[in-house]
PDB file of all heavy atoms in Angstrom:
ATOM      1  N   LEU A   1       0.825  -1.214   0.000  1.00  0.00           N
ATOM      2  CA  LEU A   1       0.000   0.000   0.000  1.00  0.00           C
ATOM      3  C   LEU A   1       0.857   1.261   0.000  1.00  0.00           C
ATOM      4  O   LEU A   1       0.557   2.232  -0.700  1.00  0.00           O
ATOM      5  CB  LEU A   1      -0.937  -0.005   1.211  1.00  0.00           C
ATOM      6  CG  LEU A   1      -2.044  -1.056   1.204  1.00  0.00           C
ATOM      7  CD1 LEU A   1      -2.796  -1.057   2.524  1.00  0.00           C
ATOM      8  CD2 LEU A   1      -3.013  -0.812   0.041  1.00  0.00           C
ATOM      9  N   LYS A   2       1.934   1.253   0.780  1.00  0.00           N
ATOM     10  CA  LYS A   2       2.823   2.413   0.832  1.00  0.00           C
ATOM     11  C   LYS A   2       3.502   2.638  -0.520  1.00  0.00           C
ATOM     12  O   LYS A   2       3.620   3.785  -0.993  1.00  0.00           O
ATOM     13  CB  LYS A   2       3.881   2.231   1.927  1.00  0.00           C
ATOM     14  CG  LYS A   2       3.330   2.328   3.338  1.00  0.00           C
ATOM     15  CD  LYS A   2       4.414   2.016   4.353  1.00  0.00           C
ATOM     16  CE  LYS A   2       3.907   2.157   5.781  1.00  0.00           C
ATOM     17  NZ  LYS A   2       4.933   1.806   6.783  1.00  0.00           N
ATOM     18  N   ILE A   3       3.958   1.565  -1.142  1.00  0.00           N
ATOM     19  CA  ILE A   3       4.632   1.685  -2.436  1.00  0.00           C
ATOM     20  C   ILE A   3       3.675   2.249  -3.486  1.00  0.00           C
ATOM     21  O   ILE A   3       4.025   3.163  -4.244  1.00  0.00           O
ATOM     22  CB  ILE A   3       5.186   0.321  -2.878  1.00  0.00           C
ATOM     23  CG1 ILE A   3       6.329  -0.104  -1.960  1.00  0.00           C
ATOM     24  CG2 ILE A   3       5.682   0.380  -4.324  1.00  0.00           C
ATOM     25  CD1 ILE A   3       6.766  -1.548  -2.142  1.00  0.00           C
ATOM     26  N   ILE A   4       2.465   1.712  -3.523  1.00  0.00           N
ATOM     27  CA  ILE A   4       1.486   2.182  -4.513  1.00  0.00           C
ATOM     28  C   ILE A   4       1.181   3.658  -4.307  1.00  0.00           C
ATOM     29  O   ILE A   4       1.080   4.428  -5.263  1.00  0.00           O
ATOM     30  CB  ILE A   4       0.202   1.333  -4.430  1.00  0.00           C
ATOM     31  CG1 ILE A   4       0.484  -0.086  -4.946  1.00  0.00           C
ATOM     32  CG2 ILE A   4      -0.932   1.975  -5.213  1.00  0.00           C
ATOM     33  CD1 ILE A   4      -0.642  -1.071  -4.705  1.00  0.00           C
ATOM     34  N   GLU A   5       1.062   4.079  -3.049  1.00  0.00           N
ATOM     35  CA  GLU A   5       0.736   5.482  -2.768  1.00  0.00           C
ATOM     36  C   GLU A   5       1.896   6.428  -3.075  1.00  0.00           C
ATOM     37  O   GLU A   5       1.697   7.532  -3.588  1.00  0.00           O
ATOM     38  CB  GLU A   5       0.308   5.644  -1.307  1.00  0.00           C
ATOM     39  CG  GLU A   5      -0.097   7.078  -0.969  1.00  0.00           C
ATOM     40  CD  GLU A   5      -0.779   7.208   0.375  1.00  0.00           C
ATOM     41  OE1 GLU A   5      -1.208   6.177   0.939  1.00  0.00           O
ATOM     42  OE2 GLU A   5      -0.890   8.353   0.858  1.00  0.00           O
ATOM     43  N   LEU A   6       3.115   5.986  -2.785  1.00  0.00           N
ATOM     44  CA  LEU A   6       4.267   6.890  -2.884  1.00  0.00           C
ATOM     45  C   LEU A   6       4.990   6.852  -4.225  1.00  0.00           C
ATOM     46  O   LEU A   6       5.702   7.804  -4.554  1.00  0.00           O
ATOM     47  CB  LEU A   6       5.262   6.582  -1.762  1.00  0.00           C
ATOM     48  CG  LEU A   6       4.849   7.052  -0.370  1.00  0.00           C
ATOM     49  CD1 LEU A   6       5.779   6.495   0.689  1.00  0.00           C
ATOM     50  CD2 LEU A   6       4.816   8.565  -0.300  1.00  0.00           C
ATOM     51  N   ARG A   7       4.840   5.786  -4.969  1.00  0.00           N
ATOM     52  CA  ARG A   7       5.634   5.664  -6.189  1.00  0.00           C
ATOM     53  C   ARG A   7       5.409   6.815  -7.179  1.00  0.00           C
ATOM     54  O   ARG A   7       6.369   7.289  -7.785  1.00  0.00           O
ATOM     55  CB  ARG A   7       5.387   4.311  -6.853  1.00  0.00           C
ATOM     56  CG  ARG A   7       6.295   4.043  -8.036  1.00  0.00           C
ATOM     57  CD  ARG A   7       6.664   2.567  -8.140  1.00  0.00           C
ATOM     58  NE  ARG A   7       7.830   2.221  -7.336  1.00  0.00           N
ATOM     59  CZ  ARG A   7       8.180   0.980  -7.019  1.00  0.00           C
ATOM     60  NH1 ARG A   7       7.440  -0.029  -7.417  1.00  0.00           N
ATOM     61  NH2 ARG A   7       9.256   0.753  -6.292  1.00  0.00           N
ATOM     62  N   PRO A   8       4.176   7.317  -7.383  1.00  0.00           N
ATOM     63  CA  PRO A   8       4.007   8.423  -8.339  1.00  0.00           C
ATOM     64  C   PRO A   8       4.784   9.682  -7.955  1.00  0.00           C
ATOM     65  O   PRO A   8       5.354  10.348  -8.819  1.00  0.00           O
ATOM     66  CB  PRO A   8       2.492   8.669  -8.330  1.00  0.00           C
ATOM     67  CG  PRO A   8       1.899   7.372  -7.905  1.00  0.00           C
ATOM     68  CD  PRO A   8       2.862   6.818  -6.902  1.00  0.00           C
ATOM     69  N   SER A   9       4.822  10.014  -6.665  1.00  0.00           N
ATOM     70  CA  SER A   9       5.483  11.258  -6.243  1.00  0.00           C
ATOM     71  C   SER A   9       6.936  11.048  -5.812  1.00  0.00           C
ATOM     72  O   SER A   9       7.717  11.998  -5.808  1.00  0.00           O
ATOM     73  CB  SER A   9       4.706  11.900  -5.089  1.00  0.00           C
ATOM     74  OG  SER A   9       4.619  11.011  -3.983  1.00  0.00           O
ATOM     75  N   CYS A  10       7.286   9.815  -5.470  1.00  0.00           N
ATOM     76  CA  CYS A  10       8.652   9.514  -4.998  1.00  0.00           C
ATOM     77  C   CYS A  10       9.189   8.293  -5.755  1.00  0.00           C
ATOM     78  O   CYS A  10       9.467   7.248  -5.143  1.00  0.00           O
ATOM     79  CB  CYS A  10       8.658   9.244  -3.503  1.00  0.00           C
ATOM     80  SG  CYS A  10       7.846  10.489  -2.481  1.00  0.00           S
ATOM     81  N   PRO A  11       9.348   8.401  -7.068  1.00  0.00           N
ATOM     82  CA  PRO A  11       9.720   7.221  -7.860  1.00  0.00           C
ATOM     83  C   PRO A  11      11.124   6.708  -7.579  1.00  0.00           C
ATOM     84  O   PRO A  11      11.450   5.578  -7.958  1.00  0.00           O
ATOM     85  CB  PRO A  11       9.587   7.715  -9.303  1.00  0.00           C
ATOM     86  CG  PRO A  11       9.801   9.188  -9.215  1.00  0.00           C
ATOM     87  CD  PRO A  11       9.196   9.609  -7.906  1.00  0.00           C
ATOM     88  N   ASP A  12      11.958   7.528  -6.928  1.00  0.00           N
ATOM     89  CA  ASP A  12      13.335   7.104  -6.684  1.00  0.00           C
ATOM     90  C   ASP A  12      13.529   6.416  -5.331  1.00  0.00           C
ATOM     91  O   ASP A  12      14.654   6.091  -4.952  1.00  0.00           O
ATOM     92  CB  ASP A  12      14.297   8.290  -6.800  1.00  0.00           C
ATOM     93  CG  ASP A  12      13.919   9.465  -5.898  1.00  0.00           C
ATOM     94  OD1 ASP A  12      12.742   9.549  -5.482  1.00  0.00           O
ATOM     95  OD2 ASP A  12      14.789  10.307  -5.631  1.00  0.00           O
ATOM     96  N   ILE A  13      12.426   6.146  -4.599  1.00  0.00           N
ATOM     97  CA  ILE A  13      12.562   5.347  -3.382  1.00  0.00           C
ATOM     98  C   ILE A  13      12.906   3.916  -3.783  1.00  0.00           C
ATOM     99  O   ILE A  13      12.334   3.349  -4.704  1.00  0.00           O
ATOM    100  CB  ILE A  13      11.265   5.360  -2.545  1.00  0.00           C
ATOM    101  CG1 ILE A  13      11.070   6.721  -1.870  1.00  0.00           C
ATOM    102  CG2 ILE A  13      11.308   4.262  -1.473  1.00  0.00           C
ATOM    103  CD1 ILE A  13       9.841   6.808  -0.994  1.00  0.00           C
ATOM    104  N   GLU A  14      13.867   3.335  -3.059  1.00  0.00           N
ATOM    105  CA  GLU A  14      14.246   1.935  -3.240  1.00  0.00           C
ATOM    106  C   GLU A  14      13.618   1.154  -2.089  1.00  0.00           C
ATOM    107  O   GLU A  14      13.960   1.366  -0.928  1.00  0.00           O
ATOM    108  CB  GLU A  14      15.769   1.819  -3.222  1.00  0.00           C
ATOM    109  CG  GLU A  14      16.310   0.459  -3.595  1.00  0.00           C
ATOM    110  CD  GLU A  14      17.834   0.484  -3.656  1.00  0.00           C
ATOM    111  OE1 GLU A  14      18.377   0.839  -4.724  1.00  0.00           O
ATOM    112  OE2 GLU A  14      18.478   0.178  -2.623  1.00  0.00           O
ATOM    113  N   TRP A  15      12.706   0.239  -2.433  1.00  0.00           N
ATOM    114  CA  TRP A  15      11.925  -0.465  -1.419  1.00  0.00           C
ATOM    115  C   TRP A  15      12.527  -1.845  -1.129  1.00  0.00           C
ATOM    116  O   TRP A  15      12.721  -2.654  -2.037  1.00  0.00           O
ATOM    117  CB  TRP A  15      10.481  -0.615  -1.876  1.00  0.00           C
ATOM    118  CG  TRP A  15       9.744   0.681  -1.950  1.00  0.00           C
ATOM    119  CD1 TRP A  15       9.508   1.445  -3.068  1.00  0.00           C
ATOM    120  CD2 TRP A  15       9.144   1.391  -0.857  1.00  0.00           C
ATOM    121  NE1 TRP A  15       8.806   2.572  -2.735  1.00  0.00           N
ATOM    122  CE2 TRP A  15       8.565   2.573  -1.392  1.00  0.00           C
ATOM    123  CE3 TRP A  15       9.036   1.154   0.514  1.00  0.00           C
ATOM    124  CZ2 TRP A  15       7.884   3.497  -0.584  1.00  0.00           C
ATOM    125  CZ3 TRP A  15       8.369   2.069   1.304  1.00  0.00           C
ATOM    126  CH2 TRP A  15       7.800   3.229   0.756  1.00  0.00           C
ATOM    127  N   HIS A  16      12.790  -2.093   0.144  1.00  0.00           N
ATOM    128  CA  HIS A  16      13.407  -3.348   0.592  1.00  0.00           C
ATOM    129  C   HIS A  16      12.417  -4.104   1.478  1.00  0.00           C
ATOM    130  O   HIS A  16      11.893  -3.541   2.444  1.00  0.00           O
ATOM    131  CB  HIS A  16      14.669  -3.067   1.411  1.00  0.00           C
ATOM    132  CG  HIS A  16      15.777  -2.438   0.636  1.00  0.00           C
ATOM    133  ND1 HIS A  16      17.028  -3.027   0.527  1.00  0.00           N
ATOM    134  CD2 HIS A  16      15.856  -1.267  -0.066  1.00  0.00           C
ATOM    135  CE1 HIS A  16      17.812  -2.254  -0.217  1.00  0.00           C
ATOM    136  NE2 HIS A  16      17.125  -1.183  -0.576  1.00  0.00           N
ATOM    137  N   PHE A  17      12.177  -5.367   1.158  1.00  0.00           N
ATOM    138  CA  PHE A  17      11.352  -6.195   2.040  1.00  0.00           C
ATOM    139  C   PHE A  17      12.274  -6.934   3.003  1.00  0.00           C
ATOM    140  O   PHE A  17      13.178  -7.654   2.576  1.00  0.00           O
ATOM    141  CB  PHE A  17      10.496  -7.193   1.257  1.00  0.00           C
ATOM    142  CG  PHE A  17       9.553  -7.951   2.155  1.00  0.00           C
ATOM    143  CD1 PHE A  17       8.432  -7.329   2.681  1.00  0.00           C
ATOM    144  CD2 PHE A  17       9.805  -9.268   2.499  1.00  0.00           C
ATOM    145  CE1 PHE A  17       7.579  -8.001   3.547  1.00  0.00           C
ATOM    146  CE2 PHE A  17       8.956  -9.955   3.362  1.00  0.00           C
ATOM    147  CZ  PHE A  17       7.837  -9.324   3.879  1.00  0.00           C
ATOM    148  N   ILE A  18      12.043  -6.766   4.311  1.00  0.00           N
ATOM    149  CA  ILE A  18      12.965  -7.309   5.310  1.00  0.00           C
ATOM    150  C   ILE A  18      12.257  -8.186   6.342  1.00  0.00           C
ATOM    151  O   ILE A  18      12.817  -8.487   7.394  1.00  0.00           O
ATOM    152  CB  ILE A  18      13.746  -6.175   6.020  1.00  0.00           C
ATOM    153  CG1 ILE A  18      12.790  -5.183   6.699  1.00  0.00           C
ATOM    154  CG2 ILE A  18      14.640  -5.447   5.027  1.00  0.00           C
ATOM    155  CD1 ILE A  18      13.507  -4.130   7.541  1.00  0.00           C
ATOM    156  N   GLY A  19      11.038  -8.619   6.029  1.00  0.00           N
ATOM    157  CA  GLY A  19      10.285  -9.439   6.963  1.00  0.00           C
ATOM    158  C   GLY A  19      10.145 -10.867   6.484  1.00  0.00           C
ATOM    159  O   GLY A  19      10.589 -11.228   5.393  1.00  0.00           O
ATOM    160  N   PRO A  20       9.503 -11.720   7.294  1.00  0.00           N
ATOM    161  CA  PRO A  20       9.250 -13.105   6.876  1.00  0.00           C
ATOM    162  C   PRO A  20       8.243 -13.127   5.729  1.00  0.00           C
ATOM    163  O   PRO A  20       7.350 -12.290   5.650  1.00  0.00           O
ATOM    164  CB  PRO A  20       8.680 -13.760   8.134  1.00  0.00           C
ATOM    165  CG  PRO A  20       8.110 -12.627   8.934  1.00  0.00           C
ATOM    166  CD  PRO A  20       8.968 -11.438   8.649  1.00  0.00           C
ATOM    167  N   LEU A  21       8.407 -14.091   4.837  1.00  0.00           N
ATOM    168  CA  LEU A  21       7.557 -14.144   3.644  1.00  0.00           C
ATOM    169  C   LEU A  21       6.975 -15.537   3.471  1.00  0.00           C
ATOM    170  O   LEU A  21       7.713 -16.519   3.362  1.00  0.00           O
ATOM    171  CB  LEU A  21       8.364 -13.757   2.398  1.00  0.00           C
ATOM    172  CG  LEU A  21       7.607 -13.752   1.069  1.00  0.00           C
ATOM    173  CD1 LEU A  21       6.459 -12.746   1.090  1.00  0.00           C
ATOM    174  CD2 LEU A  21       8.551 -13.453  -0.091  1.00  0.00           C
ATOM    175  N   GLN A  22       5.643 -15.603   3.417  1.00  0.00           N
ATOM    176  CA  GLN A  22       4.952 -16.849   3.115  1.00  0.00           C
ATOM    177  C   GLN A  22       4.850 -17.007   1.596  1.00  0.00           C
ATOM    178  O   GLN A  22       4.793 -16.016   0.857  1.00  0.00           O
ATOM    179  CB  GLN A  22       3.563 -16.845   3.748  1.00  0.00           C
ATOM    180  CG  GLN A  22       3.566 -16.733   5.263  1.00  0.00           C
ATOM    181  CD  GLN A  22       2.182 -16.490   5.820  1.00  0.00           C
ATOM    182  OE1 GLN A  22       1.382 -15.781   5.241  1.00  0.00           O
ATOM    183  NE2 GLN A  22       1.907 -17.099   6.975  1.00  0.00           N
ATOM    184  N   SER A  23       4.797 -18.239   1.140  1.00  0.00           N
ATOM    185  CA  SER A  23       4.810 -18.482  -0.302  1.00  0.00           C
ATOM    186  C   SER A  23       3.588 -17.904  -1.014  1.00  0.00           C
ATOM    187  O   SER A  23       3.670 -17.570  -2.192  1.00  0.00           O
ATOM    188  CB  SER A  23       4.919 -19.983  -0.581  1.00  0.00           C
ATOM    189  OG  SER A  23       3.861 -20.698   0.025  1.00  0.00           O
ATOM    190  N   ASN A  24       2.474 -17.731  -0.307  1.00  0.00           N
ATOM    191  CA  ASN A  24       1.281 -17.172  -0.967  1.00  0.00           C
ATOM    192  C   ASN A  24       1.332 -15.654  -1.100  1.00  0.00           C
ATOM    193  O   ASN A  24       0.422 -15.041  -1.650  1.00  0.00           O
ATOM    194  CB  ASN A  24       0.009 -17.584  -0.219  1.00  0.00           C
ATOM    195  CG  ASN A  24      -0.062 -17.033   1.201  1.00  0.00           C
ATOM    196  OD1 ASN A  24       0.937 -16.603   1.761  1.00  0.00           O
ATOM    197  ND2 ASN A  24      -1.253 -17.048   1.776  1.00  0.00           N
ATOM    198  N   LYS A  25       2.410 -15.032  -0.603  1.00  0.00           N
ATOM    199  CA  LYS A  25       2.543 -13.574  -0.708  1.00  0.00           C
ATOM    200  C   LYS A  25       3.699 -13.172  -1.644  1.00  0.00           C
ATOM    201  O   LYS A  25       4.015 -11.987  -1.750  1.00  0.00           O
ATOM    202  CB  LYS A  25       2.804 -12.976   0.679  1.00  0.00           C
ATOM    203  CG  LYS A  25       1.740 -13.311   1.727  1.00  0.00           C
ATOM    204  CD  LYS A  25       0.610 -12.324   1.718  1.00  0.00           C
ATOM    205  CE  LYS A  25      -0.428 -12.646   2.813  1.00  0.00           C
ATOM    206  NZ  LYS A  25       0.087 -12.394   4.148  1.00  0.00           N
ATOM    207  N   THR A  26       4.341 -14.128  -2.289  1.00  0.00           N
ATOM    208  CA  THR A  26       5.528 -13.804  -3.094  1.00  0.00           C
ATOM    209  C   THR A  26       5.215 -12.882  -4.269  1.00  0.00           C
ATOM    210  O   THR A  26       6.061 -12.073  -4.658  1.00  0.00           O
ATOM    211  CB  THR A  26       6.187 -15.086  -3.634  1.00  0.00           C
ATOM    212  OG1 THR A  26       5.202 -15.866  -4.330  1.00  0.00           O
ATOM    213  CG2 THR A  26       6.800 -15.910  -2.516  1.00  0.00           C
ATOM    214  N   LYS A  27       4.024 -12.984  -4.828  1.00  0.00           N
ATOM    215  CA  LYS A  27       3.684 -12.189  -6.019  1.00  0.00           C
ATOM    216  C   LYS A  27       3.750 -10.690  -5.713  1.00  0.00           C
ATOM    217  O   LYS A  27       4.212  -9.890  -6.540  1.00  0.00           O
ATOM    218  CB  LYS A  27       2.300 -12.572  -6.540  1.00  0.00           C
ATOM    219  CG  LYS A  27       1.983 -12.061  -7.947  1.00  0.00           C
ATOM    220  CD  LYS A  27       0.718 -12.737  -8.469  1.00  0.00           C
ATOM    221  CE  LYS A  27       0.505 -12.403  -9.944  1.00  0.00           C
ATOM    222  NZ  LYS A  27       0.015 -11.033 -10.135  1.00  0.00           N
ATOM    223  N   ILE A  28       3.301 -10.308  -4.532  1.00  0.00           N
ATOM    224  CA  ILE A  28       3.328  -8.889  -4.153  1.00  0.00           C
ATOM    225  C   ILE A  28       4.768  -8.395  -4.091  1.00  0.00           C
ATOM    226  O   ILE A  28       5.094  -7.309  -4.589  1.00  0.00           O
ATOM    227  CB  ILE A  28       2.620  -8.674  -2.799  1.00  0.00           C
ATOM    228  CG1 ILE A  28       1.127  -8.997  -2.925  1.00  0.00           C
ATOM    229  CG2 ILE A  28       2.812  -7.232  -2.310  1.00  0.00           C
ATOM    230  CD1 ILE A  28       0.378  -8.972  -1.603  1.00  0.00           C
ATOM    231  N   ILE A  29       5.653  -9.193  -3.477  1.00  0.00           N
ATOM    232  CA  ILE A  29       7.064  -8.805  -3.393  1.00  0.00           C
ATOM    233  C   ILE A  29       7.668  -8.731  -4.786  1.00  0.00           C
ATOM    234  O   ILE A  29       8.370  -7.770  -5.126  1.00  0.00           O
ATOM    235  CB  ILE A  29       7.848  -9.808  -2.518  1.00  0.00           C
ATOM    236  CG1 ILE A  29       7.235  -9.904  -1.105  1.00  0.00           C
ATOM    237  CG2 ILE A  29       9.321  -9.399  -2.440  1.00  0.00           C
ATOM    238  CD1 ILE A  29       7.156  -8.600  -0.353  1.00  0.00           C
ATOM    239  N   ALA A  30       7.392  -9.723  -5.610  1.00  0.00           N
ATOM    240  CA  ALA A  30       7.969  -9.776  -6.959  1.00  0.00           C
ATOM    241  C   ALA A  30       7.520  -8.597  -7.813  1.00  0.00           C
ATOM    242  O   ALA A  30       8.290  -8.093  -8.638  1.00  0.00           O
ATOM    243  CB  ALA A  30       7.579 -11.091  -7.635  1.00  0.00           C
ATOM    244  N   GLU A  31       6.309  -8.137  -7.609  1.00  0.00           N
ATOM    245  CA  GLU A  31       5.758  -7.078  -8.468  1.00  0.00           C
ATOM    246  C   GLU A  31       6.045  -5.668  -7.970  1.00  0.00           C
ATOM    247  O   GLU A  31       6.001  -4.725  -8.759  1.00  0.00           O
ATOM    248  CB  GLU A  31       4.245  -7.276  -8.620  1.00  0.00           C
ATOM    249  CG  GLU A  31       3.869  -8.510  -9.426  1.00  0.00           C
ATOM    250  CD  GLU A  31       2.373  -8.644  -9.633  1.00  0.00           C
ATOM    251  OE1 GLU A  31       1.600  -7.927  -8.929  1.00  0.00           O
ATOM    252  OE2 GLU A  31       1.973  -9.459 -10.486  1.00  0.00           O
ATOM    253  N   HIS A  32       6.324  -5.511  -6.678  1.00  0.00           N
ATOM    254  CA  HIS A  32       6.395  -4.155  -6.127  1.00  0.00           C
ATOM    255  C   HIS A  32       7.741  -3.760  -5.513  1.00  0.00           C
ATOM    256  O   HIS A  32       8.093  -2.574  -5.524  1.00  0.00           O
ATOM    257  CB  HIS A  32       5.297  -3.963  -5.079  1.00  0.00           C
ATOM    258  CG  HIS A  32       3.916  -3.983  -5.640  1.00  0.00           C
ATOM    259  ND1 HIS A  32       3.356  -2.922  -6.330  1.00  0.00           N
ATOM    260  CD2 HIS A  32       2.975  -4.965  -5.658  1.00  0.00           C
ATOM    261  CE1 HIS A  32       2.139  -3.232  -6.724  1.00  0.00           C
ATOM    262  NE2 HIS A  32       1.879  -4.467  -6.332  1.00  0.00           N
ATOM    263  N   PHE A  33       8.468  -4.696  -4.963  1.00  0.00           N
ATOM    264  CA  PHE A  33       9.692  -4.347  -4.238  1.00  0.00           C
ATOM    265  C   PHE A  33      10.921  -4.401  -5.142  1.00  0.00           C
ATOM    266  O   PHE A  33      10.918  -5.043  -6.192  1.00  0.00           O
ATOM    267  CB  PHE A  33       9.886  -5.275  -3.031  1.00  0.00           C
ATOM    268  CG  PHE A  33       9.023  -4.920  -1.848  1.00  0.00           C
ATOM    269  CD1 PHE A  33       7.692  -5.318  -1.788  1.00  0.00           C
ATOM    270  CD2 PHE A  33       9.539  -4.189  -0.787  1.00  0.00           C
ATOM    271  CE1 PHE A  33       6.890  -4.987  -0.696  1.00  0.00           C
ATOM    272  CE2 PHE A  33       8.748  -3.851   0.309  1.00  0.00           C
ATOM    273  CZ  PHE A  33       7.423  -4.250   0.352  1.00  0.00           C
ATOM    274  N   ASP A  34      11.977  -3.708  -4.703  1.00  0.00           N
ATOM    275  CA  ASP A  34      13.262  -3.711  -5.418  1.00  0.00           C
ATOM    276  C   ASP A  34      14.227  -4.741  -4.831  1.00  0.00           C
ATOM    277  O   ASP A  34      15.072  -5.285  -5.549  1.00  0.00           O
ATOM    278  CB  ASP A  34      13.905  -2.319  -5.343  1.00  0.00           C
ATOM    279  CG  ASP A  34      12.988  -1.232  -5.884  1.00  0.00           C
ATOM    280  OD1 ASP A  34      12.657  -1.295  -7.082  1.00  0.00           O
ATOM    281  OD2 ASP A  34      12.586  -0.345  -5.108  1.00  0.00           O
ATOM    282  N   TRP A  35      14.120  -4.952  -3.518  1.00  0.00           N
ATOM    283  CA  TRP A  35      15.017  -5.869  -2.789  1.00  0.00           C
ATOM    284  C   TRP A  35      14.190  -6.777  -1.894  1.00  0.00           C
ATOM    285  O   TRP A  35      13.122  -6.395  -1.406  1.00  0.00           O
ATOM    286  CB  TRP A  35      15.986  -5.094  -1.896  1.00  0.00           C
ATOM    287  CG  TRP A  35      17.149  -4.430  -2.569  1.00  0.00           C
ATOM    288  CD1 TRP A  35      17.118  -3.319  -3.365  1.00  0.00           C
ATOM    289  CD2 TRP A  35      18.524  -4.817  -2.472  1.00  0.00           C
ATOM    290  NE1 TRP A  35      18.380  -2.991  -3.777  1.00  0.00           N
ATOM    291  CE2 TRP A  35      19.269  -3.891  -3.239  1.00  0.00           C
ATOM    292  CE3 TRP A  35      19.198  -5.844  -1.810  1.00  0.00           C
ATOM    293  CZ2 TRP A  35      20.660  -3.971  -3.360  1.00  0.00           C
ATOM    294  CZ3 TRP A  35      20.572  -5.917  -1.925  1.00  0.00           C
ATOM    295  CH2 TRP A  35      21.295  -4.992  -2.697  1.00  0.00           C
ATOM    296  N   MET A  36      14.742  -7.974  -1.626  1.00  0.00           N
ATOM    297  CA  MET A  36      14.167  -8.901  -0.665  1.00  0.00           C
ATOM    298  C   MET A  36      15.321  -9.464   0.161  1.00  0.00           C
ATOM    299  O   MET A  36      16.218 -10.100  -0.378  1.00  0.00           O
ATOM    300  CB  MET A  36      13.432 -10.018  -1.418  1.00  0.00           C
ATOM    301  CG  MET A  36      12.441 -10.804  -0.576  1.00  0.00           C
ATOM    302  SD  MET A  36      13.175 -12.024   0.484  1.00  0.00           S
ATOM    303  CE  MET A  36      11.766 -13.002   0.908  1.00  0.00           C
ATOM    304  N   HIS A  37      15.317  -9.203   1.472  1.00  0.00           N
ATOM    305  CA  HIS A  37      16.458  -9.532   2.332  1.00  0.00           C
ATOM    306  C   HIS A  37      16.362 -10.881   3.029  1.00  0.00           C
ATOM    307  O   HIS A  37      17.345 -11.313   3.625  1.00  0.00           O
ATOM    308  CB  HIS A  37      16.599  -8.480   3.447  1.00  0.00           C
ATOM    309  CG  HIS A  37      17.134  -7.168   3.008  1.00  0.00           C
ATOM    310  ND1 HIS A  37      18.196  -6.551   3.640  1.00  0.00           N
ATOM    311  CD2 HIS A  37      16.771  -6.328   2.006  1.00  0.00           C
ATOM    312  CE1 HIS A  37      18.444  -5.388   3.041  1.00  0.00           C
ATOM    313  NE2 HIS A  37      17.588  -5.233   2.052  1.00  0.00           N
ATOM    314  N   THR A  38      15.208 -11.507   3.017  1.00  0.00           N
ATOM    315  CA  THR A  38      14.977 -12.639   3.923  1.00  0.00           C
ATOM    316  C   THR A  38      14.755 -13.950   3.174  1.00  0.00           C
ATOM    317  O   THR A  38      13.999 -14.811   3.612  1.00  0.00           O
ATOM    318  CB  THR A  38      13.768 -12.346   4.832  1.00  0.00           C
ATOM    319  OG1 THR A  38      12.649 -11.947   4.011  1.00  0.00           O
ATOM    320  CG2 THR A  38      14.084 -11.233   5.814  1.00  0.00           C
ATOM    321  N   LEU A  39      15.432 -14.130   2.075  1.00  0.00           N
ATOM    322  CA  LEU A  39      15.267 -15.344   1.280  1.00  0.00           C
ATOM    323  C   LEU A  39      16.023 -16.504   1.934  1.00  0.00           C
ATOM    324  O   LEU A  39      17.233 -16.398   2.191  1.00  0.00           O
ATOM    325  CB  LEU A  39      15.797 -15.103  -0.136  1.00  0.00           C
ATOM    326  CG  LEU A  39      15.553 -16.195  -1.166  1.00  0.00           C
ATOM    327  CD1 LEU A  39      14.084 -16.578  -1.247  1.00  0.00           C
ATOM    328  CD2 LEU A  39      16.037 -15.749  -2.536  1.00  0.00           C
TER     329      LEU A  39
END
């Protein structure tokens, strides 16, 4: 939600996912984030 809201006005933010990830949520990370730290 934060990425969708901020990307138009702050396109140069680099978004890192740093939390635990369940397999049913991978699509959101793949489509929206730049980095994933917890693989």
